[in-house]
Amino acid sequence: MTHSSLRVEVLGNTIRVVMRGTCFRARYRKQEAPWLATDEYGPDDPDATVSFSEFRNLAWQAANNKARQLGWVRSSENLHTTAECDPLRVPQKHRNIEREEIRSVGAPVGPAAKTQVR
């Protein structure tokens, strides 16, 4: 299934994606953060030629492409470049963290590792 079976519409600060010939629909909204927020996913369609999961993946890609065209979101490469070029966007406590200090996602590092959550 390709994007040609998807219809992408911009309505105010929302992007709506529907798949022709199915009941599938999704709605995403522009927000202050540089990425889209999901507002709604339509009903599942057991008669569709793709799964609901496949539709959500296609819809997310189509909505993000449209949002980039509109200047609502930036690519991850642009976000990283902006953070590297503008140290004011990176909190002071994160500026000098070495890659070796980051053990895994969610694992406390540095002073936070000594504090136990109760």
N, C-alpha and C. Protein backbone atom coordinates (compact mmCIF):
# COMPACT_ATOMS: atom_id res chain seq x y z
N MET A 1 0.85 -1.18 0.00
CA MET A 1 0.00 0.00 0.00
C MET A 1 0.89 1.23 0.00
N THR A 2 0.54 2.21 -0.78
CA THR A 2 1.36 3.40 -0.91
C THR A 2 0.61 4.62 -0.40
N HIS A 3 1.31 5.73 -0.37
CA HIS A 3 0.69 6.98 0.05
C HIS A 3 -0.39 7.43 -0.93
N SER A 4 -0.41 6.88 -2.13
CA SER A 4 -1.42 7.28 -3.11
C SER A 4 -2.83 6.90 -2.66
N SER A 5 -2.95 5.93 -1.77
CA SER A 5 -4.27 5.56 -1.27
C SER A 5 -4.67 6.39 -0.05
N LEU A 6 -3.79 7.29 0.37
CA LEU A 6 -4.08 8.16 1.51
C LEU A 6 -4.49 9.54 1.03
N ARG A 7 -5.42 10.13 1.74
CA ARG A 7 -5.80 11.53 1.49
C ARG A 7 -5.38 12.33 2.72
N VAL A 8 -4.59 13.37 2.52
CA VAL A 8 -4.08 14.20 3.61
C VAL A 8 -4.69 15.58 3.48
N GLU A 9 -5.35 16.03 4.56
CA GLU A 9 -6.00 17.34 4.56
C GLU A 9 -5.49 18.16 5.73
N VAL A 10 -5.32 19.45 5.52
CA VAL A 10 -4.94 20.37 6.59
C VAL A 10 -6.17 21.18 6.95
N LEU A 11 -6.56 21.11 8.21
CA LEU A 11 -7.73 21.83 8.71
C LEU A 11 -7.29 22.65 9.93
N GLY A 12 -7.00 23.93 9.72
CA GLY A 12 -6.52 24.77 10.83
C GLY A 12 -5.16 24.29 11.31
N ASN A 13 -5.09 23.91 12.59
CA ASN A 13 -3.83 23.40 13.14
C ASN A 13 -3.82 21.88 13.25
N THR A 14 -4.67 21.22 12.45
CA THR A 14 -4.70 19.76 12.46
C THR A 14 -4.45 19.22 11.05
N ILE A 15 -3.93 18.01 11.03
CA ILE A 15 -3.75 17.27 9.78
C ILE A 15 -4.58 16.01 9.89
N ARG A 16 -5.43 15.79 8.93
CA ARG A 16 -6.30 14.61 8.92
C ARG A 16 -5.85 13.70 7.78
N VAL A 17 -5.72 12.41 8.09
CA VAL A 17 -5.31 11.42 7.09
C VAL A 17 -6.39 10.34 7.03
N VAL A 18 -6.87 10.06 5.84
CA VAL A 18 -7.85 8.98 5.65
C VAL A 18 -7.35 8.07 4.54
N MET A 19 -7.72 6.81 4.61
CA MET A 19 -7.36 5.86 3.57
C MET A 19 -8.61 5.55 2.75
N ARG A 20 -8.51 5.82 1.46
CA ARG A 20 -9.64 5.59 0.56
C ARG A 20 -10.06 4.12 0.59
N GLY A 21 -11.37 3.90 0.57
CA GLY A 21 -11.91 2.55 0.52
C GLY A 21 -11.95 1.83 1.86
N THR A 22 -11.60 2.56 2.94
CA THR A 22 -11.62 1.97 4.28
C THR A 22 -12.29 2.94 5.26
N CYS A 23 -12.46 2.49 6.48
CA CYS A 23 -12.96 3.35 7.55
C CYS A 23 -11.81 4.03 8.31
N PHE A 24 -10.58 3.74 7.94
CA PHE A 24 -9.42 4.26 8.66
C PHE A 24 -9.31 5.78 8.55
N ARG A 25 -9.01 6.41 9.68
CA ARG A 25 -8.73 7.83 9.70
C ARG A 25 -7.86 8.15 10.90
N ALA A 26 -7.11 9.22 10.79
CA ALA A 26 -6.25 9.67 11.88
C ALA A 26 -6.21 11.19 11.86
N ARG A 27 -6.05 11.77 13.04
CA ARG A 27 -5.95 13.23 13.12
C ARG A 27 -4.79 13.58 14.05
N TYR A 28 -3.95 14.48 13.58
CA TYR A 28 -2.78 14.94 14.33
C TYR A 28 -2.87 16.45 14.47
N ARG A 29 -2.31 16.99 15.57
CA ARG A 29 -2.38 18.43 15.75
C ARG A 29 -1.01 19.03 15.97
N LYS A 30 -0.88 20.26 15.50
CA LYS A 30 0.33 21.05 15.72
C LYS A 30 0.36 21.44 17.20
N GLN A 31 1.54 21.45 17.77
CA GLN A 31 1.69 21.86 19.16
C GLN A 31 2.95 22.70 19.30
N GLU A 32 3.23 23.17 20.52
CA GLU A 32 4.42 23.99 20.76
C GLU A 32 5.70 23.20 20.55
N ALA A 33 5.68 21.92 20.89
CA ALA A 33 6.85 21.06 20.69
C ALA A 33 7.06 20.87 19.18
N PRO A 34 8.29 20.56 18.76
CA PRO A 34 8.56 20.43 17.33
C PRO A 34 8.16 19.08 16.73
N TRP A 35 7.06 18.51 17.17
CA TRP A 35 6.54 17.28 16.59
C TRP A 35 5.02 17.30 16.71
N LEU A 36 4.35 16.44 15.97
CA LEU A 36 2.89 16.38 15.98
C LEU A 36 2.39 15.59 17.18
N ALA A 37 1.20 15.95 17.63
CA ALA A 37 0.51 15.19 18.68
C ALA A 37 -0.63 14.43 18.01
N THR A 38 -0.85 13.20 18.41
CA THR A 38 -1.95 12.39 17.88
C THR A 38 -3.22 12.77 18.61
N ASP A 39 -4.24 13.14 17.87
CA ASP A 39 -5.53 13.49 18.47
C ASP A 39 -6.53 12.35 18.38
N GLU A 40 -6.50 11.61 17.29
CA GLU A 40 -7.54 10.60 17.10
C GLU A 40 -7.11 9.56 16.07
N TYR A 41 -7.49 8.33 16.33
CA TYR A 41 -7.41 7.27 15.32
C TYR A 41 -8.82 6.75 15.13
N GLY A 42 -9.22 6.57 13.88
CA GLY A 42 -10.56 6.11 13.58
C GLY A 42 -10.74 4.63 13.87
N PRO A 43 -11.89 4.12 13.56
CA PRO A 43 -12.19 2.72 13.88
C PRO A 43 -11.37 1.74 13.03
N ASP A 44 -11.24 0.54 13.56
CA ASP A 44 -10.60 -0.53 12.81
C ASP A 44 -11.54 -0.94 11.67
N ASP A 45 -10.98 -1.48 10.62
CA ASP A 45 -11.77 -1.91 9.47
C ASP A 45 -11.34 -3.33 9.10
N PRO A 46 -12.05 -4.34 9.58
CA PRO A 46 -11.65 -5.72 9.32
C PRO A 46 -11.67 -6.11 7.85
N ASP A 47 -12.36 -5.34 7.01
CA ASP A 47 -12.43 -5.65 5.58
C ASP A 47 -11.33 -4.95 4.78
N ALA A 48 -10.51 -4.15 5.43
CA ALA A 48 -9.45 -3.42 4.72
C ALA A 48 -8.34 -4.37 4.29
N THR A 49 -7.62 -3.98 3.25
CA THR A 49 -6.53 -4.83 2.73
C THR A 49 -5.24 -4.66 3.52
N VAL A 50 -5.20 -3.69 4.44
CA VAL A 50 -4.04 -3.50 5.32
C VAL A 50 -4.54 -3.54 6.76
N SER A 51 -3.64 -3.82 7.69
CA SER A 51 -4.02 -3.84 9.10
C SER A 51 -4.10 -2.41 9.62
N PHE A 52 -4.76 -2.24 10.75
CA PHE A 52 -4.87 -0.94 11.39
C PHE A 52 -3.48 -0.42 11.76
N SER A 53 -2.62 -1.32 12.19
CA SER A 53 -1.25 -0.95 12.54
C SER A 53 -0.49 -0.41 11.33
N GLU A 54 -0.65 -1.06 10.19
CA GLU A 54 -0.01 -0.58 8.96
C GLU A 54 -0.54 0.79 8.57
N PHE A 55 -1.85 0.97 8.71
CA PHE A 55 -2.43 2.28 8.40
C PHE A 55 -1.84 3.35 9.31
N ARG A 56 -1.77 3.09 10.61
CA ARG A 56 -1.23 4.08 11.54
C ARG A 56 0.19 4.47 11.15
N ASN A 57 1.00 3.51 10.75
CA ASN A 57 2.36 3.79 10.31
C ASN A 57 2.37 4.68 9.07
N LEU A 58 1.57 4.33 8.07
CA LEU A 58 1.50 5.13 6.84
C LEU A 58 0.95 6.53 7.13
N ALA A 59 -0.08 6.60 7.97
CA ALA A 59 -0.70 7.89 8.29
C ALA A 59 0.29 8.81 9.01
N TRP A 60 1.06 8.24 9.96
CA TRP A 60 2.05 9.03 10.70
C TRP A 60 3.10 9.59 9.74
N GLN A 61 3.58 8.75 8.83
CA GLN A 61 4.58 9.21 7.86
C GLN A 61 4.01 10.33 6.96
N ALA A 62 2.79 10.13 6.47
CA ALA A 62 2.17 11.13 5.59
C ALA A 62 1.93 12.44 6.33
N ALA A 63 1.45 12.36 7.57
CA ALA A 63 1.19 13.57 8.36
C ALA A 63 2.49 14.32 8.66
N ASN A 64 3.54 13.59 9.00
CA ASN A 64 4.82 14.24 9.28
C ASN A 64 5.41 14.88 8.03
N ASN A 65 5.27 14.23 6.89
CA ASN A 65 5.74 14.83 5.64
C ASN A 65 5.01 16.14 5.36
N LYS A 66 3.69 16.13 5.56
CA LYS A 66 2.89 17.35 5.34
C LYS A 66 3.29 18.42 6.36
N ALA A 67 3.48 18.03 7.61
CA ALA A 67 3.87 18.99 8.65
C ALA A 67 5.23 19.62 8.35
N ARG A 68 6.16 18.84 7.82
CA ARG A 68 7.47 19.40 7.42
C ARG A 68 7.31 20.40 6.29
N GLN A 69 6.45 20.07 5.31
CA GLN A 69 6.20 20.99 4.20
C GLN A 69 5.62 22.32 4.71
N LEU A 70 4.79 22.23 5.75
CA LEU A 70 4.16 23.43 6.31
C LEU A 70 5.08 24.16 7.29
N GLY A 71 6.21 23.56 7.63
CA GLY A 71 7.12 24.18 8.59
C GLY A 71 6.70 23.97 10.04
N TRP A 72 5.78 23.04 10.28
CA TRP A 72 5.31 22.78 11.64
C TRP A 72 6.31 21.97 12.45
N VAL A 73 7.01 21.06 11.81
CA VAL A 73 7.98 20.21 12.50
C VAL A 73 9.29 20.22 11.72
N ARG A 74 10.35 19.83 12.41
CA ARG A 74 11.65 19.74 11.77
C ARG A 74 12.13 18.30 11.85
N SER A 75 13.03 17.96 10.96
CA SER A 75 13.58 16.60 10.98
C SER A 75 14.46 16.44 12.21
N SER A 76 14.73 15.21 12.59
CA SER A 76 15.58 14.96 13.76
C SER A 76 16.98 15.50 13.54
N GLU A 77 17.46 15.47 12.30
CA GLU A 77 18.78 16.02 12.01
C GLU A 77 18.81 17.52 12.29
N ASN A 78 17.75 18.23 11.89
CA ASN A 78 17.68 19.67 12.14
C ASN A 78 17.60 19.96 13.63
N LEU A 79 16.86 19.15 14.38
CA LEU A 79 16.75 19.37 15.82
C LEU A 79 18.10 19.19 16.50
N HIS A 80 18.86 18.15 16.11
CA HIS A 80 20.18 17.92 16.70
C HIS A 80 21.14 19.05 16.34
N THR A 81 21.08 19.51 15.10
CA THR A 81 21.95 20.60 14.66
C THR A 81 21.63 21.86 15.44
N THR A 82 20.34 22.15 15.64
CA THR A 82 19.93 23.33 16.39
C THR A 82 20.43 23.25 17.82
N ALA A 83 20.30 22.08 18.44
CA ALA A 83 20.76 21.92 19.83
C ALA A 83 22.26 22.09 19.93
N GLU A 84 23.01 21.60 18.96
CA GLU A 84 24.47 21.72 18.99
C GLU A 84 24.90 23.17 18.74
N CYS A 85 24.18 23.88 17.89
CA CYS A 85 24.56 25.25 17.54
C CYS A 85 24.07 26.26 18.57
N ASP A 86 23.03 25.95 19.30
CA ASP A 86 22.45 26.88 20.24
C ASP A 86 22.50 26.29 21.64
N PRO A 87 23.58 26.53 22.40
CA PRO A 87 23.71 25.93 23.73
C PRO A 87 22.63 26.38 24.69
N LEU A 88 21.93 27.46 24.42
CA LEU A 88 20.86 27.89 25.31
C LEU A 88 19.67 26.94 25.26
N ARG A 89 19.55 26.16 24.18
CA ARG A 89 18.46 25.20 24.06
C ARG A 89 18.75 23.91 24.82
N VAL A 90 20.01 23.68 25.20
CA VAL A 90 20.39 22.49 25.93
C VAL A 90 20.61 22.87 27.39
N PRO A 91 19.88 22.27 28.33
CA PRO A 91 20.07 22.62 29.74
C PRO A 91 21.53 22.45 30.16
N GLN A 92 21.98 23.34 31.03
CA GLN A 92 23.38 23.34 31.48
C GLN A 92 23.79 21.97 32.01
N LYS A 93 22.93 21.31 32.76
CA LYS A 93 23.30 20.02 33.36
C LYS A 93 23.55 18.93 32.32
N HIS A 94 23.06 19.13 31.07
CA HIS A 94 23.23 18.12 30.03
C HIS A 94 24.36 18.45 29.05
N ARG A 95 24.97 19.61 29.18
CA ARG A 95 25.96 20.04 28.18
C ARG A 95 27.24 19.24 28.21
N ASN A 96 27.66 18.76 29.38
CA ASN A 96 28.97 18.11 29.49
C ASN A 96 28.87 16.61 29.74
N ILE A 97 27.73 16.03 29.49
CA ILE A 97 27.57 14.59 29.70
C ILE A 97 28.33 13.83 28.62
N GLU A 98 29.19 12.94 29.04
CA GLU A 98 29.92 12.09 28.10
C GLU A 98 29.04 10.92 27.71
N ARG A 99 29.21 10.42 26.52
CA ARG A 99 28.41 9.29 26.05
C ARG A 99 28.56 8.07 26.95
N GLU A 100 29.75 7.87 27.51
CA GLU A 100 29.97 6.70 28.37
C GLU A 100 29.13 6.78 29.64
N GLU A 101 28.75 8.00 30.06
CA GLU A 101 27.97 8.15 31.28
C GLU A 101 26.53 7.71 31.10
N ILE A 102 26.07 7.71 29.86
CA ILE A 102 24.69 7.34 29.59
C ILE A 102 24.63 5.83 29.45
N ARG A 103 24.16 5.17 30.48
CA ARG A 103 24.19 3.70 30.50
C ARG A 103 23.03 3.09 29.72
N SER A 104 21.85 3.58 29.95
CA SER A 104 20.69 3.08 29.22
C SER A 104 19.55 4.06 29.41
N VAL A 105 18.56 3.95 28.56
CA VAL A 105 17.42 4.85 28.64
C VAL A 105 16.73 4.65 29.98
N GLY A 106 16.53 5.73 30.68
CA GLY A 106 15.83 5.68 31.95
C GLY A 106 16.72 5.41 33.14
N ALA A 107 17.97 5.02 32.94
CA ALA A 107 18.87 4.75 34.05
C ALA A 107 19.40 6.07 34.60
N PRO A 108 19.34 6.27 35.92
CA PRO A 108 19.86 7.50 36.50
C PRO A 108 21.37 7.60 36.27
N VAL A 109 21.82 8.82 36.01
CA VAL A 109 23.24 9.08 35.75
C VAL A 109 23.66 10.25 36.62
N GLY A 110 24.88 10.24 37.09
CA GLY A 110 25.42 11.35 37.87
C GLY A 110 24.74 11.49 39.20
N PRO A 111 24.48 12.75 39.65
CA PRO A 111 23.88 12.98 40.97
C PRO A 111 22.53 12.29 41.13
N ALA A 112 21.78 12.16 40.06
CA ALA A 112 20.45 11.52 40.14
C ALA A 112 20.58 10.05 40.52
N ALA A 113 21.70 9.41 40.19
CA ALA A 113 21.89 7.99 40.48
C ALA A 113 21.98 7.75 41.99
N LYS A 114 22.39 8.77 42.74
CA LYS A 114 22.54 8.63 44.19
C LYS A 114 21.22 8.83 44.91
N THR A 115 20.25 9.43 44.25
CA THR A 115 18.95 9.71 44.85
C THR A 115 18.02 8.54 44.57
N GLN A 116 17.43 8.02 45.62
CA GLN A 116 16.48 6.92 45.44
C GLN A 116 15.07 7.48 45.39
N VAL A 117 14.28 7.01 44.45
CA VAL A 117 12.90 7.43 44.34
C VAL A 117 12.06 6.60 45.30
N ARG A 118 11.25 7.24 46.09
CA ARG A 118 10.40 6.51 47.06
C ARG A 118 8.96 6.67 46.75
